[in-house]
Amino acid sequence: MDYASSILGFLPGGRRSTGISQLLDKLEAYLSPAQVERVREAYEFGAEKHHGQKRVSGEPYITHPVAVADILADLRLDADTLVAAILHDVIEDTPTAKAEIASIFGQVVAELVDGVSKLDQIQFKNRQEAQAESFRKMLLAMVRDIRVIMVKLADRMHNMRTLGVMPPVKRRRSARETLEIYAPIAERLGLYAVKLELEDLGFRAATRRSSSARLPKRSRAHCRNPGLPAAWKAGKNICTASTGRC
């Protein structure tokens, strides 16, 4: 059994990680066999590129982009968007070039992946530019294809769902970004179920006190994250499947 097909782990708090088989089963309900095969090939490519990389939780890194694609599959987004979701960290976190992605998966997918990578690399020149409203305008202005934002929102959604393994300072910073930047963008795009879950996750992370900090060291290992609601499915069919545009 190869590396790609052997990955199956568990997320913190009892939430089982999304496996590729689960994702492909979901896609078969609305994509053609050829499109489902493209997504499977993207998974194998991404798994090889991320081989050896781990999330903070200790699980293989590829489980994250697969979970991002699964979130977008609930919205029935097109095959190019799902392939880009699986590959969205490949340019930034591995030696893979945009040209290699284009040669295998096409120029559209390469542009989507490159767009997500560029969003992650935004640097601010001054404090005013870093204000939430300015950042939201910058994100929307620099994206030529709205599907880049869709991938980024799904990426943030999964990161927030699994935020419990991060240090308190990181949780609070992510919560603030989610509430001030990503939830308003979801609302602006008409993704109200997405906005509601991002707000719920953001408020939980912002107000949650670290229970492990109040326990003796020998008891901290027994702390677990409370389960988080999954409101995303209420947002099915918000976007047009053929283009991903709202």
Foldseek 3Di string as FASTA:
>chain_A
DDQLQVFWAQAFQGHTQDHLVNQLVLLVVPDDPVLSVLLVVLSVVLCVQQPPPADLRGGRPLSLLQQLLSLVVLQLAASLLSSLSSCLCSVPPGVDDLVVCCVRPNNSSSVLSVLLVVLVVDDDPDPVCVAQVNNQVVNVVVDPACSSLSSVLSSLLSCLQRVVSDDLVVLQVSLVNLLRHVLVSCVVQVQPLSSVLSPVSSVCSNPDDDPLVVDPPVCSVVDTDHHGDDSSSVRHNVADRVRRHD
